[in-house]
């Protein structure tokens, strides 16, 4: 069975314990990463001096910069996926709640109508509430809530070889006819 190579932010084949520990200090510093900060952390944690030049050699020889950037990208990707999952779950929950609200409004309308107690004002209020719930459901599901009709007018820029007056006049007339009745304009 073939084993996948380690991710750049994981311990690399042949990487010694000290080299990997130094890298993890660097990797986990995030946007404040520096060789000097790694040196300071090492000395604090292990009470052992380490020269800046030594840490720089570890950094260069073990590709810390590119490995840490790969780790940053990995964390960002995980965070994005988590946020997207949360948004999808929220949209589903809200869409379901709006749908339930619409169902309840319909039940109230049917009950009031059956009891002959549905006044014009109450009908108006329930209708508005239903429309809001329907709009909320559409929004939660990523659908448009308002549609605007086009007036059928299309603008066309004519340039190049079509810029002769007689061709322009013919095209303008054709476009005018196409946007008028009978042509099924936009």
N, C-alpha and C. Protein backbone atom coordinates (compact mmCIF):
# COMPACT_ATOMS: atom_id res chain seq x y z
N UNK A 1 0.85 -1.18 0.00
CA UNK A 1 0.00 0.00 0.00
C UNK A 1 0.89 1.24 0.00
N UNK A 2 0.65 2.12 -0.95
CA UNK A 2 1.44 3.33 -1.07
C UNK A 2 0.91 4.40 -0.11
N UNK A 3 1.84 5.05 0.56
CA UNK A 3 1.44 6.09 1.50
C UNK A 3 1.60 7.44 0.81
N UNK A 4 0.60 8.30 0.99
CA UNK A 4 0.67 9.64 0.40
C UNK A 4 1.79 10.43 1.07
N UNK A 5 2.46 11.28 0.29
CA UNK A 5 3.50 12.11 0.92
C UNK A 5 2.85 13.07 1.92
N UNK A 6 3.60 13.46 2.93
CA UNK A 6 3.01 14.37 3.93
C UNK A 6 2.69 15.73 3.32
N UNK A 7 1.71 16.38 3.89
CA UNK A 7 1.39 17.74 3.48
C UNK A 7 2.58 18.63 3.84
N UNK A 8 2.77 19.74 3.15
CA UNK A 8 3.94 20.60 3.42
C UNK A 8 4.04 21.05 4.88
N UNK A 9 2.91 21.23 5.55
CA UNK A 9 2.92 21.72 6.92
C UNK A 9 3.13 20.60 7.95
N UNK A 10 3.15 19.35 7.47
CA UNK A 10 3.39 18.22 8.34
C UNK A 10 4.88 17.88 8.35
N UNK A 11 5.26 16.97 9.25
CA UNK A 11 6.66 16.56 9.33
C UNK A 11 7.05 15.88 8.02
N UNK A 12 8.15 16.32 7.46
CA UNK A 12 8.61 15.80 6.18
C UNK A 12 9.50 14.57 6.41
N UNK A 13 9.56 13.73 5.39
CA UNK A 13 10.38 12.53 5.46
C UNK A 13 11.83 12.93 5.75
N UNK A 14 12.38 12.33 6.76
CA UNK A 14 13.77 12.60 7.13
C UNK A 14 13.97 13.85 7.97
N UNK A 15 12.90 14.58 8.26
CA UNK A 15 13.03 15.81 9.05
C UNK A 15 13.23 15.43 10.53
N UNK A 16 14.28 15.93 11.10
CA UNK A 16 14.61 15.61 12.49
C UNK A 16 13.64 16.31 13.44
N UNK A 17 13.57 15.82 14.65
CA UNK A 17 12.63 16.34 15.65
C UNK A 17 12.84 17.83 15.93
N UNK A 18 14.09 18.22 16.13
CA UNK A 18 14.36 19.62 16.43
C UNK A 18 13.98 20.51 15.25
N UNK A 19 14.31 20.07 14.04
CA UNK A 19 13.97 20.86 12.85
C UNK A 19 12.46 21.02 12.72
N UNK A 20 11.72 19.94 12.98
CA UNK A 20 10.27 20.01 12.86
C UNK A 20 9.67 20.88 13.97
N UNK A 21 10.19 20.77 15.18
CA UNK A 21 9.68 21.59 16.28
C UNK A 21 9.90 23.07 15.97
N UNK A 22 11.07 23.40 15.46
CA UNK A 22 11.33 24.80 15.09
C UNK A 22 10.36 25.25 14.00
N UNK A 23 10.13 24.37 13.04
CA UNK A 23 9.17 24.72 11.98
C UNK A 23 7.78 24.94 12.56
N UNK A 24 7.33 24.07 13.48
CA UNK A 24 5.98 24.24 14.03
C UNK A 24 5.86 25.57 14.78
N UNK A 25 6.93 25.98 15.44
CA UNK A 25 6.90 27.29 16.09
C UNK A 25 6.69 28.38 15.04
N UNK A 26 7.44 28.28 13.94
CA UNK A 26 7.33 29.25 12.85
C UNK A 26 5.93 29.20 12.22
N UNK A 27 5.49 27.99 11.87
CA UNK A 27 4.19 27.79 11.21
C UNK A 27 3.04 28.36 12.04
N UNK A 28 3.07 28.11 13.33
CA UNK A 28 1.95 28.47 14.19
C UNK A 28 1.94 29.94 14.61
N UNK A 29 2.97 30.69 14.23
CA UNK A 29 2.99 32.12 14.54
C UNK A 29 2.04 32.92 13.65
N UNK A 30 1.63 32.34 12.55
CA UNK A 30 0.70 33.05 11.65
C UNK A 30 1.32 34.29 11.05
N UNK A 31 0.55 35.38 10.97
CA UNK A 31 1.03 36.58 10.26
C UNK A 31 2.20 37.29 10.94
N UNK A 32 2.55 36.92 12.17
CA UNK A 32 3.70 37.58 12.83
C UNK A 32 4.96 36.72 12.76
N UNK A 33 4.99 35.78 11.82
CA UNK A 33 6.12 34.86 11.69
C UNK A 33 7.42 35.61 11.44
N UNK A 34 8.44 35.15 12.12
CA UNK A 34 9.80 35.64 11.83
C UNK A 34 10.79 34.67 12.44
N UNK A 35 11.96 34.63 11.87
CA UNK A 35 13.03 33.80 12.38
C UNK A 35 13.39 34.24 13.79
N UNK A 36 13.43 35.54 14.01
CA UNK A 36 13.77 36.07 15.33
C UNK A 36 12.74 35.63 16.38
N UNK A 37 11.47 35.66 16.02
CA UNK A 37 10.42 35.25 16.96
C UNK A 37 10.56 33.76 17.30
N UNK A 38 10.91 32.94 16.31
CA UNK A 38 11.12 31.51 16.55
C UNK A 38 12.28 31.31 17.53
N UNK A 39 13.35 32.05 17.30
CA UNK A 39 14.53 31.96 18.18
C UNK A 39 14.14 32.31 19.61
N UNK A 40 13.38 33.39 19.78
CA UNK A 40 12.94 33.81 21.12
C UNK A 40 12.06 32.75 21.78
N UNK A 41 11.11 32.21 21.03
CA UNK A 41 10.22 31.19 21.58
C UNK A 41 10.98 29.93 21.99
N UNK A 42 11.94 29.53 21.14
CA UNK A 42 12.76 28.36 21.45
C UNK A 42 13.50 28.57 22.77
N UNK A 43 14.13 29.71 22.91
CA UNK A 43 14.90 30.00 24.12
C UNK A 43 14.01 30.05 25.35
N UNK A 44 12.79 30.60 25.21
CA UNK A 44 11.85 30.64 26.34
C UNK A 44 11.37 29.25 26.72
N UNK A 45 11.01 28.45 25.71
CA UNK A 45 10.42 27.14 25.97
C UNK A 45 11.44 26.11 26.45
N UNK A 46 12.65 26.16 25.89
CA UNK A 46 13.64 25.13 26.19
C UNK A 46 14.83 25.63 27.00
N UNK A 47 14.83 26.93 27.30
CA UNK A 47 15.92 27.53 28.07
C UNK A 47 17.27 27.16 27.44
N UNK A 48 17.30 27.25 26.11
CA UNK A 48 18.50 26.89 25.36
C UNK A 48 18.71 27.96 24.29
N UNK A 49 19.93 28.50 24.25
CA UNK A 49 20.23 29.54 23.26
C UNK A 49 20.33 28.94 21.87
N UNK A 50 19.91 29.74 20.92
CA UNK A 50 19.96 29.34 19.52
C UNK A 50 20.27 30.59 18.72
N UNK A 51 21.28 30.52 17.87
CA UNK A 51 21.66 31.72 17.12
C UNK A 51 20.66 31.99 16.00
N UNK A 52 20.56 33.25 15.65
CA UNK A 52 19.69 33.65 14.54
C UNK A 52 20.13 32.97 13.25
N UNK A 53 21.44 32.89 13.04
CA UNK A 53 21.98 32.26 11.83
C UNK A 53 21.56 30.79 11.74
N UNK A 54 21.55 30.11 12.89
CA UNK A 54 21.15 28.70 12.91
C UNK A 54 19.68 28.56 12.52
N UNK A 55 18.82 29.42 13.09
CA UNK A 55 17.39 29.37 12.77
C UNK A 55 17.17 29.70 11.30
N UNK A 56 17.91 30.66 10.78
CA UNK A 56 17.80 31.01 9.36
C UNK A 56 18.18 29.83 8.47
N UNK A 57 19.20 29.06 8.87
CA UNK A 57 19.59 27.87 8.09
C UNK A 57 18.47 26.83 8.11
N UNK A 58 17.90 26.60 9.29
CA UNK A 58 16.77 25.67 9.37
C UNK A 58 15.63 26.14 8.45
N UNK A 59 15.37 27.42 8.50
CA UNK A 59 14.29 28.01 7.70
C UNK A 59 14.54 27.78 6.21
N UNK A 60 15.74 28.10 5.77
CA UNK A 60 16.08 27.98 4.35
C UNK A 60 16.14 26.52 3.92
N UNK A 61 16.84 25.70 4.69
CA UNK A 61 17.03 24.30 4.31
C UNK A 61 15.75 23.48 4.34
N UNK A 62 14.77 23.92 5.11
CA UNK A 62 13.53 23.16 5.25
C UNK A 62 12.31 23.86 4.66
N UNK A 63 12.56 24.88 3.86
CA UNK A 63 11.49 25.56 3.11
C UNK A 63 10.33 26.04 3.99
N UNK A 64 10.67 26.66 5.10
CA UNK A 64 9.63 27.08 6.03
C UNK A 64 8.62 28.03 5.42
N UNK A 65 9.09 28.98 4.62
CA UNK A 65 8.18 30.01 4.09
C UNK A 65 7.09 29.38 3.23
N UNK A 66 7.49 28.56 2.26
CA UNK A 66 6.48 27.96 1.38
C UNK A 66 5.60 26.96 2.13
N UNK A 67 6.17 26.24 3.09
CA UNK A 67 5.39 25.29 3.88
C UNK A 67 4.36 26.02 4.74
N UNK A 68 4.78 27.11 5.36
CA UNK A 68 3.86 27.89 6.19
C UNK A 68 2.77 28.53 5.34
N UNK A 69 3.12 28.99 4.15
CA UNK A 69 2.10 29.57 3.26
C UNK A 69 1.09 28.50 2.85
N UNK A 70 1.57 27.28 2.60
CA UNK A 70 0.66 26.18 2.27
C UNK A 70 -0.28 25.90 3.44
N UNK A 71 0.25 26.00 4.65
CA UNK A 71 -0.57 25.80 5.85
C UNK A 71 -1.62 26.91 5.97
N UNK A 72 -1.22 28.14 5.72
CA UNK A 72 -2.17 29.26 5.75
C UNK A 72 -3.30 29.03 4.75
N UNK A 73 -2.93 28.60 3.54
CA UNK A 73 -3.93 28.33 2.51
C UNK A 73 -4.87 27.20 2.95
N UNK A 74 -4.29 26.18 3.57
CA UNK A 74 -5.08 25.04 4.06
C UNK A 74 -6.09 25.51 5.11
N UNK A 75 -5.62 26.29 6.07
CA UNK A 75 -6.52 26.80 7.12
C UNK A 75 -7.61 27.69 6.53
N UNK A 76 -7.23 28.52 5.57
CA UNK A 76 -8.21 29.39 4.93
C UNK A 76 -9.27 28.56 4.21
N UNK A 77 -8.83 27.53 3.52
CA UNK A 77 -9.76 26.66 2.81
C UNK A 77 -10.73 25.98 3.77
N UNK A 78 -10.20 25.49 4.89
CA UNK A 78 -11.07 24.87 5.90
C UNK A 78 -12.06 25.88 6.46
N UNK A 79 -11.59 27.08 6.73
CA UNK A 79 -12.47 28.12 7.25
C UNK A 79 -13.56 28.50 6.26
N UNK A 80 -13.18 28.61 4.99
CA UNK A 80 -14.18 28.93 3.96
C UNK A 80 -15.23 27.84 3.87
N UNK A 81 -14.80 26.59 3.87
CA UNK A 81 -15.74 25.48 3.78
C UNK A 81 -16.69 25.48 4.97
N UNK A 82 -16.15 25.74 6.15
CA UNK A 82 -16.99 25.78 7.35
C UNK A 82 -18.01 26.91 7.26
N UNK A 83 -17.57 28.09 6.79
CA UNK A 83 -18.50 29.22 6.65
C UNK A 83 -19.57 28.92 5.61
N UNK A 84 -19.16 28.30 4.50
CA UNK A 84 -20.15 27.96 3.47
C UNK A 84 -21.17 26.95 4.00
N UNK A 85 -20.69 25.96 4.73
CA UNK A 85 -21.61 24.97 5.32
C UNK A 85 -22.57 25.64 6.29
N UNK A 86 -22.04 26.56 7.11
CA UNK A 86 -22.90 27.29 8.06
C UNK A 86 -23.96 28.11 7.33
N UNK A 87 -23.56 28.76 6.25
CA UNK A 87 -24.51 29.59 5.49
C UNK A 87 -25.59 28.71 4.87
N UNK A 88 -25.20 27.58 4.29
CA UNK A 88 -26.19 26.67 3.69
C UNK A 88 -27.16 26.14 4.74
N UNK A 89 -26.64 25.78 5.91
CA UNK A 89 -27.49 25.28 6.99
C UNK A 89 -28.45 26.38 7.47
N UNK A 90 -27.92 27.61 7.60
CA UNK A 90 -28.74 28.73 8.03
C UNK A 90 -29.84 29.00 7.00
N UNK A 91 -29.47 29.02 5.72
CA UNK A 91 -30.46 29.27 4.68
C UNK A 91 -31.56 28.21 4.67
N UNK A 92 -31.17 26.95 4.86
CA UNK A 92 -32.16 25.88 4.90
C UNK A 92 -33.09 26.06 6.10
N UNK A 93 -32.50 26.32 7.27
CA UNK A 93 -33.30 26.50 8.49
C UNK A 93 -34.27 27.67 8.33
N UNK A 94 -33.76 28.80 7.79
CA UNK A 94 -34.63 29.96 7.62
C UNK A 94 -35.68 29.72 6.54
N UNK A 95 -35.29 29.06 5.46
CA UNK A 95 -36.26 28.74 4.41
C UNK A 95 -37.38 27.86 4.93
N UNK A 96 -37.00 26.88 5.75
CA UNK A 96 -38.01 25.98 6.34
C UNK A 96 -38.93 26.76 7.30
N UNK A 97 -38.35 27.66 8.07
CA UNK A 97 -39.16 28.45 9.01
C UNK A 97 -40.15 29.34 8.25
N UNK A 98 -39.68 29.96 7.16
CA UNK A 98 -40.58 30.80 6.36
C UNK A 98 -41.68 29.94 5.72
N UNK A 99 -41.33 28.74 5.28
CA UNK A 99 -42.33 27.85 4.69
C UNK A 99 -43.37 27.47 5.74
N UNK A 100 -42.91 27.15 6.95
CA UNK A 100 -43.85 26.82 8.04
C UNK A 100 -44.75 28.01 8.35
N UNK A 101 -44.18 29.21 8.31
CA UNK A 101 -44.96 30.41 8.56
C UNK A 101 -46.04 30.58 7.49
N UNK A 102 -45.68 30.32 6.24
CA UNK A 102 -46.68 30.40 5.17
C UNK A 102 -47.80 29.39 5.39
N UNK A 103 -47.43 28.18 5.79
CA UNK A 103 -48.44 27.14 6.05
C UNK A 103 -49.39 27.58 7.17
N UNK A 104 -48.85 28.17 8.23
CA UNK A 104 -49.68 28.64 9.34
C UNK A 104 -50.62 29.76 8.89
N UNK A 105 -50.12 30.66 8.06
CA UNK A 105 -50.96 31.75 7.56
C UNK A 105 -52.12 31.18 6.73
N UNK A 106 -51.80 30.19 5.89
CA UNK A 106 -52.85 29.58 5.07
C UNK A 106 -53.90 28.89 5.95
N UNK A 107 -53.46 28.23 7.02
CA UNK A 107 -54.40 27.58 7.94
C UNK A 107 -55.32 28.63 8.60
N UNK A 108 -54.73 29.73 9.03
CA UNK A 108 -55.52 30.80 9.65
C UNK A 108 -56.53 31.35 8.65
N UNK A 109 -56.08 31.58 7.41
CA UNK A 109 -56.99 32.11 6.39
C UNK A 109 -58.15 31.14 6.15
N UNK A 110 -57.84 29.84 6.05
CA UNK A 110 -58.89 28.84 5.82
C UNK A 110 -59.87 28.79 6.99
N UNK A 111 -59.32 28.83 8.21
CA UNK A 111 -60.16 28.79 9.41
C UNK A 111 -61.08 30.01 9.47
N UNK A 112 -60.51 31.19 9.22
CA UNK A 112 -61.30 32.43 9.26
C UNK A 112 -62.35 32.43 8.15
N UNK A 113 -61.94 31.94 6.98
CA UNK A 113 -62.87 31.90 5.84
C UNK A 113 -64.02 30.93 6.13
N UNK A 114 -63.70 29.77 6.70
CA UNK A 114 -64.73 28.77 7.04
C UNK A 114 -65.70 29.31 8.09
N UNK A 115 -65.17 30.06 9.04
CA UNK A 115 -66.01 30.61 10.12
C UNK A 115 -66.67 31.91 9.68
N UNK A 116 -66.40 32.31 8.45
CA UNK A 116 -66.96 33.55 7.89
C UNK A 116 -66.60 34.76 8.75
N UNK A 117 -65.36 34.77 9.27
CA UNK A 117 -64.90 35.89 10.10
C UNK A 117 -63.70 36.59 9.47
N UNK A 118 -63.46 36.34 8.20
CA UNK A 118 -62.31 36.92 7.51
C UNK A 118 -62.69 38.29 6.96
N UNK A 119 -62.36 39.31 7.73
CA UNK A 119 -62.68 40.68 7.30
C UNK A 119 -61.66 41.12 6.25
N UNK A 120 -62.01 42.15 5.45
CA UNK A 120 -61.07 42.66 4.45
C UNK A 120 -59.75 43.11 5.07
N UNK A 121 -59.79 43.72 6.24
CA UNK A 121 -58.54 44.16 6.89
C UNK A 121 -57.69 42.97 7.31
N UNK A 122 -58.34 41.96 7.88
CA UNK A 122 -57.60 40.76 8.31
C UNK A 122 -57.03 40.04 7.10
N UNK A 123 -57.80 39.96 6.03
CA UNK A 123 -57.33 39.32 4.80
C UNK A 123 -56.11 40.07 4.26
N UNK A 124 -56.17 41.40 4.28
CA UNK A 124 -55.06 42.22 3.82
C UNK A 124 -53.80 41.97 4.66
N UNK A 125 -53.99 41.93 5.99
CA UNK A 125 -52.85 41.68 6.90
C UNK A 125 -52.25 40.30 6.66
N UNK A 126 -53.09 39.31 6.53
CA UNK A 126 -52.61 37.94 6.31
C UNK A 126 -51.92 37.81 4.95
N UNK A 127 -52.48 38.48 3.96
CA UNK A 127 -51.87 38.44 2.63
C UNK A 127 -50.48 39.07 2.65
N UNK A 128 -50.35 40.21 3.32
CA UNK A 128 -49.03 40.86 3.43
C UNK A 128 -48.05 39.97 4.19
N UNK A 129 -48.52 39.36 5.26
CA UNK A 129 -47.65 38.47 6.04
C UNK A 129 -47.21 37.28 5.18
N UNK A 130 -48.13 36.74 4.40
CA UNK A 130 -47.80 35.62 3.52
C UNK A 130 -46.77 36.04 2.48
N UNK A 131 -46.97 37.22 1.89
CA UNK A 131 -46.02 37.72 0.88
C UNK A 131 -44.63 37.91 1.48
N UNK A 132 -44.56 38.44 2.71
CA UNK A 132 -43.26 38.61 3.39
C UNK A 132 -42.61 37.26 3.65
N UNK A 133 -43.41 36.30 4.07
CA UNK A 133 -42.86 34.97 4.34
C UNK A 133 -42.37 34.32 3.04
N UNK A 134 -43.13 34.51 1.97
CA UNK A 134 -42.71 33.95 0.67
C UNK A 134 -41.42 34.62 0.20
N UNK A 135 -41.33 35.93 0.38
CA UNK A 135 -40.11 36.65 0.00
C UNK A 135 -38.93 36.18 0.85
N UNK A 136 -39.16 36.00 2.15
CA UNK A 136 -38.10 35.51 3.03
C UNK A 136 -37.63 34.13 2.62
N UNK A 137 -38.56 33.26 2.25
CA UNK A 137 -38.19 31.91 1.81
C UNK A 137 -37.35 31.98 0.53
N UNK A 138 -37.78 32.82 -0.42
CA UNK A 138 -37.02 32.95 -1.67
C UNK A 138 -35.62 33.47 -1.39
N UNK A 139 -35.51 34.48 -0.53
CA UNK A 139 -34.19 35.02 -0.18
C UNK A 139 -33.32 33.94 0.46
N UNK A 140 -33.90 33.19 1.39
CA UNK A 140 -33.15 32.14 2.08
C UNK A 140 -32.67 31.06 1.12
N UNK A 141 -33.42 30.86 0.06
CA UNK A 141 -33.05 29.84 -0.93
C UNK A 141 -32.25 30.41 -2.09
N UNK A 142 -31.92 31.70 -1.99
CA UNK A 142 -31.07 32.32 -3.01
C UNK A 142 -31.79 32.69 -4.29
N UNK A 143 -33.09 32.81 -4.22
CA UNK A 143 -33.86 33.18 -5.41
C UNK A 143 -34.11 34.68 -5.42
N UNK A 144 -34.38 35.21 -6.63
CA UNK A 144 -34.69 36.63 -6.73
C UNK A 144 -36.06 36.89 -6.12
N UNK A 145 -36.22 38.08 -5.57
CA UNK A 145 -37.50 38.42 -4.95
C UNK A 145 -38.27 39.44 -5.76
N UNK A 146 -37.60 40.16 -6.60
CA UNK A 146 -38.27 41.16 -7.44
C UNK A 146 -37.83 40.95 -8.88
N UNK A 147 -38.78 40.91 -9.76
CA UNK A 147 -38.48 40.78 -11.19
C UNK A 147 -38.89 42.08 -11.87
N UNK A 148 -38.02 42.56 -12.73
CA UNK A 148 -38.35 43.78 -13.45
C UNK A 148 -38.46 43.45 -14.93
N UNK A 149 -39.52 43.94 -15.51
CA UNK A 149 -39.75 43.70 -16.93
C UNK A 149 -38.95 44.69 -17.76
N UNK A 150 -38.47 44.23 -18.88
CA UNK A 150 -37.73 45.08 -19.81
C UNK A 150 -38.74 45.80 -20.70
N UNK A 151 -38.42 47.01 -21.09
CA UNK A 151 -39.33 47.75 -21.97
C UNK A 151 -39.12 47.39 -23.44
N UNK A 152 -38.26 46.44 -23.70
CA UNK A 152 -38.06 45.97 -25.07
C UNK A 152 -37.08 46.78 -25.88
N UNK A 153 -36.55 47.86 -25.33
CA UNK A 153 -35.62 48.71 -26.07
C UNK A 153 -34.22 48.15 -25.94
N UNK A 154 -33.59 47.94 -27.08
CA UNK A 154 -32.22 47.45 -27.08
C UNK A 154 -31.35 48.49 -27.75
N UNK A 155 -30.21 48.72 -27.16
CA UNK A 155 -29.28 49.68 -27.76
C UNK A 155 -28.18 48.88 -28.44
N UNK A 156 -27.90 49.25 -29.67
CA UNK A 156 -26.88 48.57 -30.44
C UNK A 156 -25.91 49.62 -30.95
N UNK A 157 -24.64 49.40 -30.72
CA UNK A 157 -23.62 50.31 -31.23
C UNK A 157 -23.16 49.76 -32.57
N UNK A 158 -23.21 50.60 -33.57
CA UNK A 158 -22.80 50.19 -34.92
C UNK A 158 -21.48 50.88 -35.23
N UNK A 159 -20.50 50.09 -35.60
CA UNK A 159 -19.19 50.68 -35.92
C UNK A 159 -18.53 49.90 -37.03
N UNK A 160 -17.38 50.36 -37.45
CA UNK A 160 -16.60 49.67 -38.47
C UNK A 160 -17.24 49.78 -39.84
N UNK A 161 -17.27 48.67 -40.59
CA UNK A 161 -17.77 48.64 -41.95
C UNK A 161 -19.27 48.93 -42.04
N UNK A 162 -19.98 48.76 -40.93
CA UNK A 162 -21.42 49.01 -40.93
C UNK A 162 -21.74 50.48 -40.70
N UNK A 163 -20.74 51.33 -40.73
CA UNK A 163 -20.95 52.73 -40.39
C UNK A 163 -21.34 53.59 -41.61
N UNK A 164 -21.75 52.96 -42.69
CA UNK A 164 -22.22 53.73 -43.84
C UNK A 164 -23.65 54.16 -43.56
N UNK A 165 -24.03 55.40 -43.93
CA UNK A 165 -25.36 55.94 -43.60
C UNK A 165 -26.52 55.05 -44.04
N UNK A 166 -26.46 54.48 -45.24
CA UNK A 166 -27.58 53.67 -45.71
C UNK A 166 -27.70 52.35 -44.94
N UNK A 167 -26.58 51.76 -44.55
CA UNK A 167 -26.63 50.52 -43.74
C UNK A 167 -27.13 50.85 -42.35
N UNK A 168 -26.63 51.95 -41.78
CA UNK A 168 -27.05 52.37 -40.44
C UNK A 168 -28.57 52.61 -40.43
N UNK A 169 -29.10 53.28 -41.45
CA UNK A 169 -30.53 53.57 -41.51
C UNK A 169 -31.33 52.27 -41.61
N UNK A 170 -30.87 51.32 -42.41
CA UNK A 170 -31.57 50.04 -42.55
C UNK A 170 -31.56 49.26 -41.25
N UNK A 171 -30.41 49.22 -40.56
CA UNK A 171 -30.32 48.51 -39.29
C UNK A 171 -31.18 49.18 -38.22
N UNK A 172 -31.17 50.50 -38.19
CA UNK A 172 -31.98 51.23 -37.22
C UNK A 172 -33.45 50.91 -37.43
N UNK A 173 -33.90 50.88 -38.70
CA UNK A 173 -35.29 50.55 -39.00
C UNK A 173 -35.62 49.12 -38.59
N UNK A 174 -34.71 48.19 -38.86
CA UNK A 174 -34.91 46.79 -38.51
C UNK A 174 -35.01 46.62 -36.99
N UNK A 175 -34.10 47.27 -36.26
CA UNK A 175 -34.12 47.19 -34.80
C UNK A 175 -35.40 47.79 -34.26
N UNK A 176 -35.83 48.87 -34.84
CA UNK A 176 -37.07 49.51 -34.41
C UNK A 176 -38.25 48.56 -34.61
N UNK A 177 -38.31 47.89 -35.76
CA UNK A 177 -39.40 46.95 -36.01
C UNK A 177 -39.34 45.75 -35.07
N UNK A 178 -38.11 45.26 -34.79
CA UNK A 178 -37.95 44.10 -33.92
C UNK A 178 -38.41 44.40 -32.48
N UNK A 179 -38.23 45.63 -32.04
CA UNK A 179 -38.61 45.94 -30.66
C UNK A 179 -40.07 46.35 -30.56
N UNK A 180 -40.76 46.45 -31.68
CA UNK A 180 -42.17 46.82 -31.67
C UNK A 180 -43.07 45.62 -31.50
N UNK A 181 -44.36 45.83 -31.50
CA UNK A 181 -45.33 44.74 -31.34
C UNK A 181 -45.21 43.77 -32.49
N UNK A 182 -45.53 42.54 -32.20
CA UNK A 182 -45.54 41.52 -33.24
C UNK A 182 -44.20 40.84 -33.38
N UNK A 183 -43.13 41.40 -32.83
CA UNK A 183 -41.83 40.78 -32.94
C UNK A 183 -41.43 40.11 -31.61
N UNK A 184 -42.28 40.21 -30.63
CA UNK A 184 -41.99 39.58 -29.34
C UNK A 184 -40.79 40.20 -28.68
N UNK A 185 -40.72 41.55 -28.77
CA UNK A 185 -39.60 42.27 -28.15
C UNK A 185 -39.39 41.83 -26.72
N UNK A 186 -38.18 41.96 -26.25
CA UNK A 186 -37.70 41.52 -24.94
C UNK A 186 -38.80 41.61 -23.96
